[in-house]
Amino acid sequence: MNRADSEEKRRHSSGLVPYSYYKCRIPDYFANVPLHWHTEFELNVILSGRAEFICGEKKFTSEEGDIILIPPNVLHAIYPVQGFSQLYDTVVFSPDMIGARDSDRCAAECIRPIANGSFGIDPRITAEHIYYGELKTTAENIISCAKGNSPRLDMLFKSELLRLFWLLYESGDIYPENETSAKQSEMIRPALELMNTRYFDNITIEMLAASVHLSSSYFMGCFKRYAGVGAMEYLGQIRIKKACELLSERDISVADTAFECGYRNISNFNRQFKKTVGCTASEYRKRSRTDR
């Protein structure tokens, strides 16, 4: 079983095709997107509905028409809003798409600082933005290029990405990052990694607090502030996410699935699974295999 840490290991891109496109609906396609990070940029265009986003220290409720841009290595998560289903397009792309490894002054002074976290980005772009019309058109062009997925469209894709970042620089939405703030949000990463690599163990608050060298009470407040949920609730989300993967990919019993994901009480697993996913584990297995 793959026991990856909270740095997402899925390859969203390759050297030949440095991006991936996804059509997403939350909570219909997946219950939530637990806190994680990856080394690529992520661009989301909200088509309908609402959801709760966490992007570093920024927390907001998305609305139809929003454009959400997440830089590399920034902790982010998406949770459903009760009564709403959010449909959105996502493109995840390598910093190489905008020339992060080039040697010219544009790369050195404008691109690499965004990619390496020296500069921050306001992640949410709404209809009130001064350049919203241009940004929306540009973002939609980027999505169309990613869907088309051809060498010729890659040329337009790159040019539209550069236009997107130019507009954000012009509007002041890209700025030197506050080093203290960035360090504070890094504080909980060791705990995230511990939960993602050892979710099948009997993990306690004391263990998690020790991993980040904090008292238990201070750690709990810190985690809730940056993750949007409590540490034990986050651990439960990771376990249910792993259970969904096992149910889709392996022919093992529900009880064995629960045990491999850290549950020692099948009744508790069944209750938590239905609360999170909206159906029983057996129903999920049937549905996931029918949808293949």
Protein backbone atom coordinates (compact mmCIF):
# COMPACT_ATOMS: atom_id res chain seq x y z
CA MET A 1 0.00 0.00 0.00
CA ASN A 2 1.28 3.46 -0.85
CA ARG A 3 1.89 5.37 2.37
CA ALA A 4 2.73 8.80 0.96
CA ASP A 5 3.01 11.82 3.21
CA SER A 6 0.88 14.93 2.88
CA GLU A 7 3.04 16.22 0.07
CA GLU A 8 0.86 14.92 -2.73
CA LYS A 9 2.80 12.35 -4.75
CA ARG A 10 0.45 12.12 -7.72
CA ARG A 11 2.32 13.22 -10.84
CA HIS A 12 0.23 16.06 -12.25
CA SER A 13 2.72 16.72 -15.02
CA SER A 14 5.70 15.38 -16.93
CA GLY A 15 8.57 16.93 -18.83
CA LEU A 16 6.69 16.42 -22.09
CA VAL A 17 3.25 17.55 -20.87
CA PRO A 18 3.84 19.76 -17.79
CA TYR A 19 0.19 20.09 -16.74
CA SER A 20 -3.01 18.16 -16.00
CA TYR A 21 -6.69 19.08 -16.26
CA TYR A 22 -9.49 17.89 -13.93
CA LYS A 23 -13.24 18.43 -13.89
CA CYS A 24 -14.21 18.44 -10.20
CA ARG A 25 -17.42 18.39 -8.19
CA ILE A 26 -17.40 18.47 -4.41
CA PRO A 27 -18.84 16.62 -2.49
CA ASP A 28 -20.24 14.48 -5.34
CA TYR A 29 -16.92 13.24 -6.76
CA PHE A 30 -15.10 13.26 -3.40
CA ALA A 31 -16.15 14.21 0.14
CA ASN A 32 -13.41 16.84 0.58
CA VAL A 33 -9.82 17.64 -0.33
CA PRO A 34 -7.80 17.31 2.90
CA LEU A 35 -4.94 19.71 3.63
CA HIS A 36 -1.95 18.96 1.38
CA TRP A 37 0.59 20.58 -0.91
CA HIS A 38 2.38 19.84 -4.17
CA THR A 39 5.22 21.34 -6.18
CA GLU A 40 3.01 22.64 -9.02
CA PHE A 41 0.73 25.66 -9.36
CA GLU A 42 -3.02 24.99 -9.22
CA LEU A 43 -5.61 27.10 -11.04
CA ASN A 44 -9.31 26.63 -10.20
CA VAL A 45 -12.23 28.26 -12.02
CA ILE A 46 -15.51 27.95 -10.09
CA LEU A 47 -18.38 27.13 -12.44
CA SER A 48 -21.19 26.86 -9.87
CA GLY A 49 -21.87 26.38 -6.16
CA ARG A 50 -19.80 27.10 -3.07
CA ALA A 51 -17.03 25.48 -1.04
CA GLU A 52 -14.72 26.37 1.82
CA PHE A 53 -11.10 26.92 0.71
CA ILE A 54 -7.98 27.05 2.84
CA CYS A 55 -4.92 28.44 1.03
CA GLY A 56 -2.04 28.96 3.45
CA GLU A 57 -3.39 31.38 6.03
CA LYS A 58 -6.27 32.54 3.80
CA LYS A 59 -9.72 31.00 4.39
CA PHE A 60 -12.75 31.90 2.27
CA THR A 61 -15.99 30.62 0.75
CA SER A 62 -15.78 30.38 -3.02
CA GLU A 63 -18.56 31.63 -5.28
CA GLU A 64 -19.49 31.04 -8.91
CA GLY A 65 -17.10 32.91 -11.17
CA ASP A 66 -14.19 32.95 -8.71
CA ILE A 67 -10.68 32.23 -9.96
CA ILE A 68 -8.42 30.60 -7.36
CA LEU A 69 -4.67 30.38 -7.93
CA ILE A 70 -2.51 28.38 -5.51
CA PRO A 71 1.32 28.60 -5.74
CA PRO A 72 3.65 25.60 -5.29
CA ASN A 73 4.18 24.16 -1.80
CA VAL A 74 1.30 26.11 -0.23
CA LEU A 75 -0.88 24.11 2.15
CA HIS A 76 -4.43 24.03 0.82
CA ALA A 77 -7.71 22.20 1.32
CA ILE A 78 -11.32 22.28 0.11
CA TYR A 79 -14.37 21.40 2.20
CA PRO A 80 -18.01 21.33 1.14
CA VAL A 81 -20.57 23.90 2.28
CA GLN A 82 -23.73 22.31 3.61
CA GLY A 83 -26.50 22.42 1.03
CA PHE A 84 -24.16 23.23 -1.87
CA SER A 85 -22.33 21.22 -4.53
CA GLN A 86 -19.42 23.02 -6.18
CA LEU A 87 -18.47 22.33 -9.81
CA TYR A 88 -15.10 23.62 -10.91
CA ASP A 89 -12.34 23.22 -13.50
CA THR A 90 -8.80 22.63 -12.25
CA VAL A 91 -5.48 22.85 -14.03
CA VAL A 92 -2.32 21.85 -12.18
CA PHE A 93 0.85 22.99 -13.98
CA SER A 94 4.59 22.93 -13.47
CA PRO A 95 6.47 26.20 -12.83
CA ASP A 96 8.44 25.27 -15.96
CA MET A 97 5.35 26.27 -18.00
CA ILE A 98 6.11 29.90 -17.18
CA GLY A 99 9.89 29.63 -17.51
CA ALA A 100 10.89 29.15 -13.88
CA ARG A 101 14.22 27.63 -14.94
CA ASP A 102 15.04 30.19 -17.63
CA SER A 103 18.02 32.51 -17.18
CA ASP A 104 16.57 35.85 -18.30
CA ARG A 105 15.63 38.70 -15.97
CA CYS A 106 11.90 37.97 -16.21
CA ALA A 107 12.47 34.48 -14.78
CA ALA A 108 14.90 35.72 -12.14
CA GLU A 109 12.89 38.70 -10.89
CA CYS A 110 9.26 37.80 -11.61
CA ILE A 111 8.76 34.04 -12.04
CA ARG A 112 11.12 32.24 -9.64
CA PRO A 113 10.13 34.38 -6.63
CA ILE A 114 6.52 33.17 -7.06
CA ALA A 115 7.56 29.56 -7.61
CA ASN A 116 9.90 29.43 -4.60
CA GLY A 117 7.60 31.26 -2.20
CA SER A 118 9.59 34.50 -1.88
CA PHE A 119 6.55 36.29 -3.32
CA GLY A 120 2.99 35.54 -2.25
CA ILE A 121 -0.25 35.63 -4.25
CA ASP A 122 -3.75 36.59 -3.16
CA PRO A 123 -5.33 33.26 -4.11
CA ARG A 124 -8.94 34.38 -4.67
CA ILE A 125 -9.90 36.56 -7.62
CA THR A 126 -13.52 37.71 -7.57
CA ALA A 127 -15.80 39.72 -9.87
CA GLU A 128 -14.79 42.88 -7.95
CA HIS A 129 -11.18 42.63 -9.15
CA ILE A 130 -10.05 45.58 -11.28
CA TYR A 131 -8.95 43.24 -14.10
CA TYR A 132 -11.57 40.54 -13.54
CA GLY A 133 -12.86 40.48 -17.11
CA GLU A 134 -9.39 40.01 -18.58
CA LEU A 135 -8.38 37.52 -15.89
CA LYS A 136 -11.55 35.46 -16.42
CA THR A 137 -11.01 35.30 -20.17
CA THR A 138 -7.37 34.38 -19.66
CA ALA A 139 -8.22 31.67 -17.11
CA GLU A 140 -10.88 30.21 -19.42
CA ASN A 141 -8.37 30.15 -22.28
CA ILE A 142 -5.92 28.29 -20.04
CA ILE A 143 -8.59 25.72 -19.18
CA SER A 144 -9.47 25.28 -22.87
CA CYS A 145 -5.82 24.77 -23.79
CA ALA A 146 -5.39 22.18 -21.04
CA LYS A 147 -8.50 20.33 -22.21
CA GLY A 148 -7.28 20.41 -25.82
CA ASN A 149 -3.88 19.03 -24.78
CA SER A 150 -1.86 19.47 -27.99
CA PRO A 151 1.61 20.86 -28.81
CA ARG A 152 0.16 23.87 -30.64
CA LEU A 153 -2.23 24.69 -27.80
CA ASP A 154 0.72 24.47 -25.39
CA MET A 155 2.11 27.61 -27.04
CA LEU A 156 -1.11 29.51 -26.32
CA PHE A 157 -1.27 27.94 -22.84
CA LYS A 158 2.16 29.37 -21.94
CA SER A 159 1.38 32.81 -23.30
CA GLU A 160 -1.94 32.96 -21.41
CA LEU A 161 -0.23 31.90 -18.17
CA LEU A 162 2.29 34.71 -18.54
CA ARG A 163 -0.55 37.16 -19.22
CA LEU A 164 -2.32 35.93 -16.07
CA PHE A 165 0.73 36.56 -13.91
CA TRP A 166 1.41 39.92 -15.58
CA LEU A 167 -2.13 41.08 -14.74
CA LEU A 168 -1.68 39.94 -11.13
CA TYR A 169 1.60 41.86 -10.86
CA GLU A 170 -0.05 44.96 -12.35
CA SER A 171 -2.91 44.80 -9.83
CA GLY A 172 -0.63 44.28 -6.82
CA ASP A 173 -1.88 40.76 -6.09
CA ILE A 174 1.69 39.42 -6.09
CA TYR A 175 3.88 40.76 -3.30
CA PRO A 176 6.96 39.94 -1.17
CA GLU A 177 5.97 37.22 1.32
CA ASN A 178 5.96 37.85 5.06
CA GLU A 179 8.69 35.49 6.30
CA THR A 180 7.29 35.19 9.83
CA SER A 181 3.83 34.33 8.55
CA ALA A 182 5.23 31.72 6.18
CA LYS A 183 7.23 30.09 8.97
CA GLN A 184 4.17 29.89 11.20
CA SER A 185 2.15 28.03 8.56
CA GLU A 186 5.08 25.59 8.12
CA MET A 187 4.81 24.69 11.79
CA ILE A 188 2.23 21.94 11.39
CA ARG A 189 3.77 20.15 8.39
CA PRO A 190 5.64 17.53 10.44
CA ALA A 191 2.34 16.60 12.11
CA LEU A 192 0.63 16.36 8.72
CA GLU A 193 3.40 14.07 7.49
CA LEU A 194 3.14 11.90 10.59
CA MET A 195 -0.60 11.43 10.10
CA ASN A 196 -0.25 10.71 6.40
CA THR A 197 2.55 8.17 6.81
CA ARG A 198 1.26 6.46 9.97
CA TYR A 199 -2.52 6.88 9.70
CA PHE A 200 -2.90 3.13 10.40
CA ASP A 201 -1.26 3.51 13.87
CA ASN A 202 -2.79 4.60 17.16
CA ILE A 203 -1.86 8.29 16.79
CA THR A 204 -2.50 10.61 19.75
CA ILE A 205 -2.49 14.37 20.20
CA GLU A 206 0.58 13.95 22.42
CA MET A 207 2.47 12.23 19.59
CA LEU A 208 1.52 14.93 17.11
CA ALA A 209 2.43 17.75 19.49
CA ALA A 210 5.80 16.13 20.15
CA SER A 211 6.48 15.95 16.39
CA VAL A 212 6.34 19.77 16.18
CA HIS A 213 7.85 20.42 19.64
CA LEU A 214 4.77 22.11 21.08
CA SER A 215 2.55 21.53 24.09
CA SER A 216 -0.61 19.57 23.35
CA SER A 217 -2.93 22.51 24.01
CA TYR A 218 -0.92 24.96 21.89
CA PHE A 219 -0.60 22.42 19.09
CA MET A 220 -4.36 21.80 18.96
CA GLY A 221 -5.07 25.52 18.61
CA CYS A 222 -2.33 25.94 16.00
CA PHE A 223 -3.52 23.00 13.93
CA LYS A 224 -7.14 24.12 13.94
CA ARG A 225 -6.10 27.63 12.90
CA TYR A 226 -4.12 26.50 9.85
CA ALA A 227 -5.97 23.31 8.85
CA GLY A 228 -9.51 24.52 9.46
CA VAL A 229 -10.34 21.31 11.35
CA GLY A 230 -9.03 19.64 14.49
CA ALA A 231 -6.09 17.23 14.27
CA MET A 232 -8.18 14.15 15.05
CA GLU A 233 -10.81 15.18 12.52
CA TYR A 234 -8.08 15.60 9.91
CA LEU A 235 -6.71 12.15 10.78
CA GLY A 236 -10.20 10.74 10.26
CA GLN A 237 -10.39 12.39 6.82
CA ILE A 238 -7.06 10.83 5.83
CA ARG A 239 -8.20 7.39 7.02
CA ILE A 240 -11.49 7.59 5.12
CA LYS A 241 -9.67 8.82 1.99
CA LYS A 242 -7.32 5.82 2.21
CA ALA A 243 -10.31 3.53 2.77
CA CYS A 244 -11.94 4.86 -0.41
CA GLU A 245 -8.75 4.11 -2.36
CA LEU A 246 -8.61 0.56 -0.99
CA LEU A 247 -12.28 -0.11 -1.66
CA SER A 248 -11.84 1.04 -5.27
CA GLU A 249 -8.59 -0.78 -5.97
CA ARG A 250 -8.46 -3.98 -3.88
CA ASP A 251 -10.71 -6.96 -3.24
CA ILE A 252 -10.52 -7.06 0.54
CA SER A 253 -13.37 -7.05 3.03
CA VAL A 254 -14.76 -3.88 4.56
CA ALA A 255 -13.50 -5.05 7.96
CA ASP A 256 -9.95 -5.55 6.64
CA THR A 257 -10.14 -2.17 4.92
CA ALA A 258 -11.10 -0.53 8.22
CA PHE A 259 -8.23 -2.26 10.02
CA GLU A 260 -5.64 -1.26 7.40
CA CYS A 261 -6.76 2.36 7.73
CA GLY A 262 -6.32 2.50 11.49
CA TYR A 263 -9.81 1.62 12.75
CA ARG A 264 -10.06 -1.03 15.46
CA ASN A 265 -13.84 -0.80 15.77
CA ILE A 266 -15.84 -1.67 12.63
CA SER A 267 -18.95 0.11 13.93
CA ASN A 268 -16.98 3.33 14.36
CA PHE A 269 -15.52 2.95 10.87
CA ASN A 270 -18.96 2.40 9.33
CA ARG A 271 -20.36 5.43 11.15
CA GLN A 272 -17.46 7.71 10.16
CA PHE A 273 -17.43 6.48 6.57
CA LYS A 274 -21.12 7.17 6.01
CA LYS A 275 -20.87 10.56 7.73
CA THR A 276 -17.94 11.61 5.51
CA VAL A 277 -18.79 9.99 2.16
CA GLY A 278 -22.59 9.90 2.39
CA CYS A 279 -22.99 6.15 1.79
CA THR A 280 -21.80 2.87 3.28
CA ALA A 281 -18.41 1.38 2.39
CA SER A 282 -20.09 -1.46 0.47
CA GLU A 283 -22.18 1.02 -1.51
CA TYR A 284 -19.10 3.10 -2.26
CA ARG A 285 -17.24 0.06 -3.58
CA LYS A 286 -20.08 -0.81 -5.96
CA ARG A 287 -20.44 2.79 -7.13
CA SER A 288 -16.72 3.36 -7.68
CA ARG A 289 -16.36 0.22 -9.77
CA THR A 290 -19.49 0.97 -11.79
CA ASP A 291 -18.09 4.43 -12.62
CA ARG A 292 -14.84 3.06 -14.06
